[in-house]
Amino acid sequence: MRVLLHRYVEWAQRHPAWFTFVFGPWSIDSSELASAASAALAALLRATAHGAADLAAVGHLARDGKGRAGPGDVIDDFLDYLRAAAPRR
């Protein structure tokens, strides 16, 4: 997994134009792209909530544990990161 993620970042750095083309901002209005983006965001939110709940359920995520974070902290941090990354309107 580690190697795969590092290779992905290396690819993006070697091909910045392609990476930006695929993952950068859109230059056109498209209801199809907007719908797909909304669905992807919804899936990401569900996956994050599910992951936090699952980690807490098996004892790997607790405010008094190793990471000093509970599932609510994971959700709040994630939403803060999304808000910070969102385009300014």
PDB file of N, CA and C in Angstrom:
ATOM      1  N   MET A   1       0.830  -1.171   0.000  1.00  0.00           N
ATOM      2  CA  MET A   1       0.000   0.000   0.000  1.00  0.00           C
ATOM      3  C   MET A   1       0.885   1.248   0.000  1.00  0.00           C
ATOM      4  N   ARG A   2       1.883   1.246   0.854  1.00  0.00           N
ATOM      5  CA  ARG A   2       2.776   2.403   0.946  1.00  0.00           C
ATOM      6  C   ARG A   2       3.445   2.684  -0.409  1.00  0.00           C
ATOM      7  N   VAL A   3       3.956   1.632  -1.032  1.00  0.00           N
ATOM      8  CA  VAL A   3       4.627   1.785  -2.327  1.00  0.00           C
ATOM      9  C   VAL A   3       3.646   2.320  -3.366  1.00  0.00           C
ATOM     10  N   LEU A   4       2.449   1.781  -3.389  1.00  0.00           N
ATOM     11  CA  LEU A   4       1.435   2.223  -4.337  1.00  0.00           C
ATOM     12  C   LEU A   4       1.135   3.714  -4.173  1.00  0.00           C
ATOM     13  N   LEU A   5       0.949   4.155  -2.947  1.00  0.00           N
ATOM     14  CA  LEU A   5       0.636   5.566  -2.702  1.00  0.00           C
ATOM     15  C   LEU A   5       1.808   6.472  -3.074  1.00  0.00           C
ATOM     16  N   HIS A   6       3.015   6.041  -2.751  1.00  0.00           N
ATOM     17  CA  HIS A   6       4.187   6.832  -3.137  1.00  0.00           C
ATOM     18  C   HIS A   6       4.321   6.904  -4.657  1.00  0.00           C
ATOM     19  N   ARG A   7       4.076   5.812  -5.344  1.00  0.00           N
ATOM     20  CA  ARG A   7       4.159   5.801  -6.813  1.00  0.00           C
ATOM     21  C   ARG A   7       3.112   6.741  -7.427  1.00  0.00           C
ATOM     22  N   TYR A   8       1.950   6.775  -6.831  1.00  0.00           N
ATOM     23  CA  TYR A   8       0.893   7.663  -7.323  1.00  0.00           C
ATOM     24  C   TYR A   8       1.343   9.121  -7.236  1.00  0.00           C
ATOM     25  N   VAL A   9       1.878   9.510  -6.092  1.00  0.00           N
ATOM     26  CA  VAL A   9       2.352  10.884  -5.915  1.00  0.00           C
ATOM     27  C   VAL A   9       3.503  11.173  -6.880  1.00  0.00           C
ATOM     28  N   GLU A  10       4.402  10.222  -7.050  1.00  0.00           N
ATOM     29  CA  GLU A  10       5.512  10.400  -7.988  1.00  0.00           C
ATOM     30  C   GLU A  10       4.996  10.593  -9.411  1.00  0.00           C
ATOM     31  N   TRP A  11       3.997   9.817  -9.794  1.00  0.00           N
ATOM     32  CA  TRP A  11       3.407   9.962 -11.126  1.00  0.00           C
ATOM     33  C   TRP A  11       2.829  11.368 -11.289  1.00  0.00           C
ATOM     34  N   ALA A  12       2.102  11.828 -10.280  1.00  0.00           N
ATOM     35  CA  ALA A  12       1.496  13.162 -10.349  1.00  0.00           C
ATOM     36  C   ALA A  12       2.564  14.245 -10.469  1.00  0.00           C
ATOM     37  N   GLN A  13       3.679  14.058  -9.804  1.00  0.00           N
ATOM     38  CA  GLN A  13       4.756  15.040  -9.888  1.00  0.00           C
ATOM     39  C   GLN A  13       5.460  14.996 -11.243  1.00  0.00           C
ATOM     40  N   ARG A  14       5.553  13.829 -11.849  1.00  0.00           N
ATOM     41  CA  ARG A  14       6.175  13.709 -13.175  1.00  0.00           C
ATOM     42  C   ARG A  14       5.258  14.216 -14.287  1.00  0.00           C
ATOM     43  N   HIS A  15       3.957  14.182 -14.045  1.00  0.00           N
ATOM     44  CA  HIS A  15       2.971  14.557 -15.063  1.00  0.00           C
ATOM     45  C   HIS A  15       1.977  15.581 -14.507  1.00  0.00           C
ATOM     46  N   PRO A  16       2.455  16.763 -14.100  1.00  0.00           N
ATOM     47  CA  PRO A  16       1.556  17.729 -13.463  1.00  0.00           C
ATOM     48  C   PRO A  16       0.427  18.212 -14.373  1.00  0.00           C
ATOM     49  N   ALA A  17       0.695  18.362 -15.658  1.00  0.00           N
ATOM     50  CA  ALA A  17      -0.364  18.831 -16.560  1.00  0.00           C
ATOM     51  C   ALA A  17      -1.489  17.802 -16.656  1.00  0.00           C
ATOM     52  N   TRP A  18      -1.119  16.540 -16.785  1.00  0.00           N
ATOM     53  CA  TRP A  18      -2.132  15.483 -16.871  1.00  0.00           C
ATOM     54  C   TRP A  18      -2.903  15.382 -15.553  1.00  0.00           C
ATOM     55  N   PHE A  19      -2.189  15.429 -14.444  1.00  0.00           N
ATOM     56  CA  PHE A  19      -2.828  15.350 -13.131  1.00  0.00           C
ATOM     57  C   PHE A  19      -3.830  16.499 -12.957  1.00  0.00           C
ATOM     58  N   THR A  20      -3.415  17.711 -13.318  1.00  0.00           N
ATOM     59  CA  THR A  20      -4.305  18.867 -13.196  1.00  0.00           C
ATOM     60  C   THR A  20      -5.492  18.752 -14.142  1.00  0.00           C
ATOM     61  N   PHE A  21      -5.249  18.232 -15.342  1.00  0.00           N
ATOM     62  CA  PHE A  21      -6.347  18.037 -16.288  1.00  0.00           C
ATOM     63  C   PHE A  21      -7.407  17.110 -15.707  1.00  0.00           C
ATOM     64  N   VAL A  22      -6.970  16.027 -15.098  1.00  0.00           N
ATOM     65  CA  VAL A  22      -7.905  15.035 -14.560  1.00  0.00           C
ATOM     66  C   VAL A  22      -8.539  15.507 -13.260  1.00  0.00           C
ATOM     67  N   PHE A  23      -7.743  16.113 -12.368  1.00  0.00           N
ATOM     68  CA  PHE A  23      -8.226  16.403 -11.023  1.00  0.00           C
ATOM     69  C   PHE A  23      -8.362  17.883 -10.710  1.00  0.00           C
ATOM     70  N   GLY A  24      -8.041  18.747 -11.654  1.00  0.00           N
ATOM     71  CA  GLY A  24      -8.092  20.181 -11.408  1.00  0.00           C
ATOM     72  C   GLY A  24      -9.496  20.744 -11.549  1.00  0.00           C
ATOM     73  N   PRO A  25      -9.604  22.057 -11.429  1.00  0.00           N
ATOM     74  CA  PRO A  25     -10.920  22.698 -11.548  1.00  0.00           C
ATOM     75  C   PRO A  25     -11.463  22.584 -12.969  1.00  0.00           C
ATOM     76  N   TRP A  26     -12.765  22.611 -13.070  1.00  0.00           N
ATOM     77  CA  TRP A  26     -13.415  22.511 -14.374  1.00  0.00           C
ATOM     78  C   TRP A  26     -13.489  23.885 -15.002  1.00  0.00           C
ATOM     79  N   SER A  27     -13.345  23.930 -16.308  1.00  0.00           N
ATOM     80  CA  SER A  27     -13.450  25.204 -17.014  1.00  0.00           C
ATOM     81  C   SER A  27     -14.799  25.344 -17.711  1.00  0.00           C
ATOM     82  N   ILE A  28     -15.658  24.338 -17.577  1.00  0.00           N
ATOM     83  CA  ILE A  28     -16.985  24.387 -18.182  1.00  0.00           C
ATOM     84  C   ILE A  28     -18.028  24.026 -17.134  1.00  0.00           C
ATOM     85  N   ASP A  29     -19.234  24.486 -17.353  1.00  0.00           N
ATOM     86  CA  ASP A  29     -20.349  24.066 -16.507  1.00  0.00           C
ATOM     87  C   ASP A  29     -20.909  22.776 -17.085  1.00  0.00           C
ATOM     88  N   SER A  30     -21.030  21.771 -16.241  1.00  0.00           N
ATOM     89  CA  SER A  30     -21.538  20.483 -16.696  1.00  0.00           C
ATOM     90  C   SER A  30     -22.366  19.862 -15.586  1.00  0.00           C
ATOM     91  N   SER A  31     -23.635  19.655 -15.856  1.00  0.00           N
ATOM     92  CA  SER A  31     -24.491  19.032 -14.845  1.00  0.00           C
ATOM     93  C   SER A  31     -24.056  17.593 -14.582  1.00  0.00           C
ATOM     94  N   GLU A  32     -23.527  16.924 -15.608  1.00  0.00           N
ATOM     95  CA  GLU A  32     -23.056  15.547 -15.436  1.00  0.00           C
ATOM     96  C   GLU A  32     -21.846  15.494 -14.499  1.00  0.00           C
ATOM     97  N   LEU A  33     -20.890  16.417 -14.697  1.00  0.00           N
ATOM     98  CA  LEU A  33     -19.725  16.464 -13.809  1.00  0.00           C
ATOM     99  C   LEU A  33     -20.132  16.853 -12.396  1.00  0.00           C
ATOM    100  N   ALA A  34     -21.034  17.814 -12.272  1.00  0.00           N
ATOM    101  CA  ALA A  34     -21.486  18.237 -10.947  1.00  0.00           C
ATOM    102  C   ALA A  34     -22.175  17.095 -10.215  1.00  0.00           C
ATOM    103  N   SER A  35     -22.982  16.332 -10.920  1.00  0.00           N
ATOM    104  CA  SER A  35     -23.667  15.189 -10.316  1.00  0.00           C
ATOM    105  C   SER A  35     -22.670  14.126  -9.869  1.00  0.00           C
ATOM    106  N   ALA A  36     -21.676  13.848 -10.714  1.00  0.00           N
ATOM    107  CA  ALA A  36     -20.652  12.858 -10.361  1.00  0.00           C
ATOM    108  C   ALA A  36     -19.832  13.330  -9.167  1.00  0.00           C
ATOM    109  N   ALA A  37     -19.527  14.623  -9.120  1.00  0.00           N
ATOM    110  CA  ALA A  37     -18.760  15.167  -7.992  1.00  0.00           C
ATOM    111  C   ALA A  37     -19.556  15.054  -6.700  1.00  0.00           C
ATOM    112  N   SER A  38     -20.844  15.339  -6.764  1.00  0.00           N
ATOM    113  CA  SER A  38     -21.691  15.219  -5.571  1.00  0.00           C
ATOM    114  C   SER A  38     -21.758  13.778  -5.085  1.00  0.00           C
ATOM    115  N   ALA A  39     -21.882  12.850  -6.012  1.00  0.00           N
ATOM    116  CA  ALA A  39     -21.930  11.430  -5.639  1.00  0.00           C
ATOM    117  C   ALA A  39     -20.605  10.981  -5.032  1.00  0.00           C
ATOM    118  N   ALA A  40     -19.494  11.446  -5.595  1.00  0.00           N
ATOM    119  CA  ALA A  40     -18.177  11.077  -5.064  1.00  0.00           C
ATOM    120  C   ALA A  40     -17.979  11.650  -3.666  1.00  0.00           C
ATOM    121  N   LEU A  41     -18.399  12.887  -3.459  1.00  0.00           N
ATOM    122  CA  LEU A  41     -18.280  13.494  -2.134  1.00  0.00           C
ATOM    123  C   LEU A  41     -19.142  12.751  -1.122  1.00  0.00           C
ATOM    124  N   ALA A  42     -20.350  12.391  -1.509  1.00  0.00           N
ATOM    125  CA  ALA A  42     -21.231  11.639  -0.605  1.00  0.00           C
ATOM    126  C   ALA A  42     -20.602  10.298  -0.229  1.00  0.00           C
ATOM    127  N   ALA A  43     -19.996   9.625  -1.194  1.00  0.00           N
ATOM    128  CA  ALA A  43     -19.337   8.342  -0.913  1.00  0.00           C
ATOM    129  C   ALA A  43     -18.149   8.538   0.021  1.00  0.00           C
ATOM    130  N   LEU A  44     -17.392   9.599  -0.183  1.00  0.00           N
ATOM    131  CA  LEU A  44     -16.250   9.888   0.680  1.00  0.00           C
ATOM    132  C   LEU A  44     -16.700  10.178   2.111  1.00  0.00           C
ATOM    133  N   LEU A  45     -17.777  10.930   2.262  1.00  0.00           N
ATOM    134  CA  LEU A  45     -18.307  11.231   3.599  1.00  0.00           C
ATOM    135  C   LEU A  45     -18.793   9.963   4.296  1.00  0.00           C
ATOM    136  N   ARG A  46     -19.520   9.124   3.558  1.00  0.00           N
ATOM    137  CA  ARG A  46     -19.991   7.854   4.146  1.00  0.00           C
ATOM    138  C   ARG A  46     -18.820   6.962   4.530  1.00  0.00           C
ATOM    139  N   ALA A  47     -17.823   6.881   3.678  1.00  0.00           N
ATOM    140  CA  ALA A  47     -16.661   6.033   3.962  1.00  0.00           C
ATOM    141  C   ALA A  47     -15.911   6.527   5.192  1.00  0.00           C
ATOM    142  N   THR A  48     -15.789   7.835   5.333  1.00  0.00           N
ATOM    143  CA  THR A  48     -15.105   8.390   6.503  1.00  0.00           C
ATOM    144  C   THR A  48     -15.878   8.089   7.774  1.00  0.00           C
ATOM    145  N   ALA A  49     -17.188   8.306   7.741  1.00  0.00           N
ATOM    146  CA  ALA A  49     -18.013   8.019   8.919  1.00  0.00           C
ATOM    147  C   ALA A  49     -17.975   6.532   9.252  1.00  0.00           C
ATOM    148  N   HIS A  50     -18.075   5.690   8.237  1.00  0.00           N
ATOM    149  CA  HIS A  50     -18.032   4.244   8.459  1.00  0.00           C
ATOM    150  C   HIS A  50     -16.680   3.832   9.044  1.00  0.00           C
ATOM    151  N   GLY A  51     -15.608   4.363   8.498  1.00  0.00           N
ATOM    152  CA  GLY A  51     -14.275   4.037   8.996  1.00  0.00           C
ATOM    153  C   GLY A  51     -14.089   4.457  10.441  1.00  0.00           C
ATOM    154  N   ALA A  52     -14.547   5.652  10.788  1.00  0.00           N
ATOM    155  CA  ALA A  52     -14.430   6.125  12.171  1.00  0.00           C
ATOM    156  C   ALA A  52     -15.243   5.241  13.109  1.00  0.00           C
ATOM    157  N   ALA A  53     -16.464   4.892  12.696  1.00  0.00           N
ATOM    158  CA  ALA A  53     -17.312   4.030  13.531  1.00  0.00           C
ATOM    159  C   ALA A  53     -16.700   2.644  13.687  1.00  0.00           C
ATOM    160  N   ASP A  54     -16.177   2.096  12.602  1.00  0.00           N
ATOM    161  CA  ASP A  54     -15.578   0.762  12.648  1.00  0.00           C
ATOM    162  C   ASP A  54     -14.333   0.742  13.531  1.00  0.00           C
ATOM    163  N   LEU A  55     -13.465   1.731  13.378  1.00  0.00           N
ATOM    164  CA  LEU A  55     -12.261   1.792  14.210  1.00  0.00           C
ATOM    165  C   LEU A  55     -12.612   1.940  15.687  1.00  0.00           C
ATOM    166  N   ALA A  56     -13.634   2.730  15.981  1.00  0.00           N
ATOM    167  CA  ALA A  56     -14.059   2.887  17.376  1.00  0.00           C
ATOM    168  C   ALA A  56     -14.655   1.589  17.909  1.00  0.00           C
ATOM    169  N   ALA A  57     -15.440   0.905  17.086  1.00  0.00           N
ATOM    170  CA  ALA A  57     -16.112  -0.328  17.525  1.00  0.00           C
ATOM    171  C   ALA A  57     -15.126  -1.427  17.902  1.00  0.00           C
ATOM    172  N   VAL A  58     -13.980  -1.465  17.230  1.00  0.00           N
ATOM    173  CA  VAL A  58     -13.003  -2.517  17.528  1.00  0.00           C
ATOM    174  C   VAL A  58     -11.887  -2.037  18.461  1.00  0.00           C
ATOM    175  N   GLY A  59     -12.050  -0.829  18.990  1.00  0.00           N
ATOM    176  CA  GLY A  59     -11.123  -0.340  20.001  1.00  0.00           C
ATOM    177  C   GLY A  59      -9.871   0.347  19.502  1.00  0.00           C
ATOM    178  N   HIS A  60      -9.818   0.670  18.214  1.00  0.00           N
ATOM    179  CA  HIS A  60      -8.631   1.328  17.673  1.00  0.00           C
ATOM    180  C   HIS A  60      -8.738   2.846  17.647  1.00  0.00           C
ATOM    181  N   LEU A  61      -9.851   3.382  18.096  1.00  0.00           N
ATOM    182  CA  LEU A  61     -10.056   4.822  18.050  1.00  0.00           C
ATOM    183  C   LEU A  61     -10.817   5.235  19.300  1.00  0.00           C
ATOM    184  N   ALA A  62     -10.137   5.917  20.202  1.00  0.00           N
ATOM    185  CA  ALA A  62     -10.772   6.364  21.440  1.00  0.00           C
ATOM    186  C   ALA A  62     -10.026   7.588  21.959  1.00  0.00           C
ATOM    187  N   ARG A  63     -10.759   8.530  22.535  1.00  0.00           N
ATOM    188  CA  ARG A  63     -10.143   9.759  23.041  1.00  0.00           C
ATOM    189  C   ARG A  63      -9.088   9.470  24.099  1.00  0.00           C
ATOM    190  N   ASP A  64      -9.256   8.398  24.856  1.00  0.00           N
ATOM    191  CA  ASP A  64      -8.281   8.076  25.899  1.00  0.00           C
ATOM    192  C   ASP A  64      -7.270   7.027  25.432  1.00  0.00           C
ATOM    193  N   GLY A  65      -7.257   6.747  24.142  1.00  0.00           N
ATOM    194  CA  GLY A  65      -6.349   5.740  23.583  1.00  0.00           C
ATOM    195  C   GLY A  65      -5.087   6.344  23.005  1.00  0.00           C
ATOM    196  N   LYS A  66      -4.411   5.544  22.228  1.00  0.00           N
ATOM    197  CA  LYS A  66      -3.115   5.897  21.660  1.00  0.00           C
ATOM    198  C   LYS A  66      -3.146   7.204  20.858  1.00  0.00           C
ATOM    199  N   GLY A  67      -4.107   7.358  19.988  1.00  0.00           N
ATOM    200  CA  GLY A  67      -4.166   8.541  19.138  1.00  0.00           C
ATOM    201  C   GLY A  67      -4.846   9.737  19.765  1.00  0.00           C
ATOM    202  N   ARG A  68      -5.422   9.543  20.935  1.00  0.00           N
ATOM    203  CA  ARG A  68      -6.129  10.605  21.655  1.00  0.00           C
ATOM    204  C   ARG A  68      -7.215  11.259  20.798  1.00  0.00           C
ATOM    205  N   ALA A  69      -7.883  10.443  20.015  1.00  0.00           N
ATOM    206  CA  ALA A  69      -8.961  10.946  19.162  1.00  0.00           C
ATOM    207  C   ALA A  69     -10.087   9.931  19.129  1.00  0.00           C
ATOM    208  N   GLY A  70     -11.290  10.421  19.228  1.00  0.00           N
ATOM    209  CA  GLY A  70     -12.456   9.570  19.094  1.00  0.00           C
ATOM    210  C   GLY A  70     -13.031   9.693  17.701  1.00  0.00           C
ATOM    211  N   PRO A  71     -14.064   8.932  17.405  1.00  0.00           N
ATOM    212  CA  PRO A  71     -14.646   8.990  16.062  1.00  0.00           C
ATOM    213  C   PRO A  71     -15.173  10.376  15.709  1.00  0.00           C
ATOM    214  N   GLY A  72     -15.705  11.076  16.687  1.00  0.00           N
ATOM    215  CA  GLY A  72     -16.184  12.435  16.426  1.00  0.00           C
ATOM    216  C   GLY A  72     -15.057  13.376  16.038  1.00  0.00           C
ATOM    217  N   ASP A  73     -13.889  13.174  16.633  1.00  0.00           N
ATOM    218  CA  ASP A  73     -12.727  13.996  16.282  1.00  0.00           C
ATOM    219  C   ASP A  73     -12.300  13.753  14.838  1.00  0.00           C
ATOM    220  N   VAL A  74     -12.349  12.504  14.412  1.00  0.00           N
ATOM    221  CA  VAL A  74     -11.995  12.176  13.027  1.00  0.00           C
ATOM    222  C   VAL A  74     -12.947  12.886  12.068  1.00  0.00           C
ATOM    223  N   ILE A  75     -14.236  12.798  12.357  1.00  0.00           N
ATOM    224  CA  ILE A  75     -15.243  13.452  11.505  1.00  0.00           C
ATOM    225  C   ILE A  75     -15.022  14.964  11.477  1.00  0.00           C
ATOM    226  N   ASP A  76     -14.848  15.567  12.661  1.00  0.00           N
ATOM    227  CA  ASP A  76     -14.672  17.023  12.726  1.00  0.00           C
ATOM    228  C   ASP A  76     -13.409  17.469  11.994  1.00  0.00           C
ATOM    229  N   ASP A  77     -12.304  16.748  12.192  1.00  0.00           N
ATOM    230  CA  ASP A  77     -11.068  17.096  11.487  1.00  0.00           C
ATOM    231  C   ASP A  77     -11.251  16.973   9.978  1.00  0.00           C
ATOM    232  N   PHE A  78     -11.890  15.905   9.545  1.00  0.00           N
ATOM    233  CA  PHE A  78     -12.110  15.686   8.120  1.00  0.00           C
ATOM    234  C   PHE A  78     -12.938  16.820   7.514  1.00  0.00           C
ATOM    235  N   LEU A  79     -14.012  17.198   8.197  1.00  0.00           N
ATOM    236  CA  LEU A  79     -14.845  18.291   7.689  1.00  0.00           C
ATOM    237  C   LEU A  79     -14.080  19.612   7.665  1.00  0.00           C
ATOM    238  N   ASP A  80     -13.233  19.839   8.663  1.00  0.00           N
ATOM    239  CA  ASP A  80     -12.403  21.049   8.663  1.00  0.00           C
ATOM    240  C   ASP A  80     -11.454  21.059   7.466  1.00  0.00           C
ATOM    241  N   TYR A  81     -10.851  19.904   7.158  1.00  0.00           N
ATOM    242  CA  TYR A  81      -9.952  19.818   6.000  1.00  0.00           C
ATOM    243  C   TYR A  81     -10.712  20.068   4.697  1.00  0.00           C
ATOM    244  N   LEU A  82     -11.899  19.499   4.584  1.00  0.00           N
ATOM    245  CA  LEU A  82     -12.706  19.732   3.382  1.00  0.00           C
ATOM    246  C   LEU A  82     -13.053  21.205   3.231  1.00  0.00           C
ATOM    247  N   ARG A  83     -13.453  21.827   4.329  1.00  0.00           N
ATOM    248  CA  ARG A  83     -13.816  23.243   4.291  1.00  0.00           C
ATOM    249  C   ARG A  83     -12.614  24.083   3.863  1.00  0.00           C
ATOM    250  N   ALA A  84     -11.445  23.776   4.400  1.00  0.00           N
ATOM    251  CA  ALA A  84     -10.238  24.531   4.055  1.00  0.00           C
ATOM    252  C   ALA A  84      -9.853  24.338   2.587  1.00  0.00           C
ATOM    253  N   ALA A  85     -10.144  23.175   2.035  1.00  0.00           N
ATOM    254  CA  ALA A  85      -9.776  22.880   0.647  1.00  0.00           C
ATOM    255  C   ALA A  85     -10.805  23.366  -0.363  1.00  0.00           C
ATOM    256  N   ALA A  86     -11.985  23.720   0.106  1.00  0.00           N
ATOM    257  CA  ALA A  86     -13.066  24.117  -0.808  1.00  0.00           C
ATOM    258  C   ALA A  86     -12.731  25.433  -1.496  1.00  0.00           C
ATOM    259  N   PRO A  87     -13.128  25.562  -2.756  1.00  0.00           N
ATOM    260  CA  PRO A  87     -12.895  26.826  -3.455  1.00  0.00           C
ATOM    261  C   PRO A  87     -13.669  27.952  -2.786  1.00  0.00           C
ATOM    262  N   ARG A  88     -13.063  29.102  -2.753  1.00  0.00           N
ATOM    263  CA  ARG A  88     -13.720  30.286  -2.174  1.00  0.00           C
ATOM    264  C   ARG A  88     -14.759  30.803  -3.153  1.00  0.00           C
ATOM    265  N   ARG A  89     -15.901  31.148  -2.640  1.00  0.00           N
ATOM    266  CA  ARG A  89     -16.974  31.678  -3.505  1.00  0.00           C
ATOM    267  C   ARG A  89     -17.161  33.146  -3.281  1.00  0.00           C
TER     268      ARG A  89
END
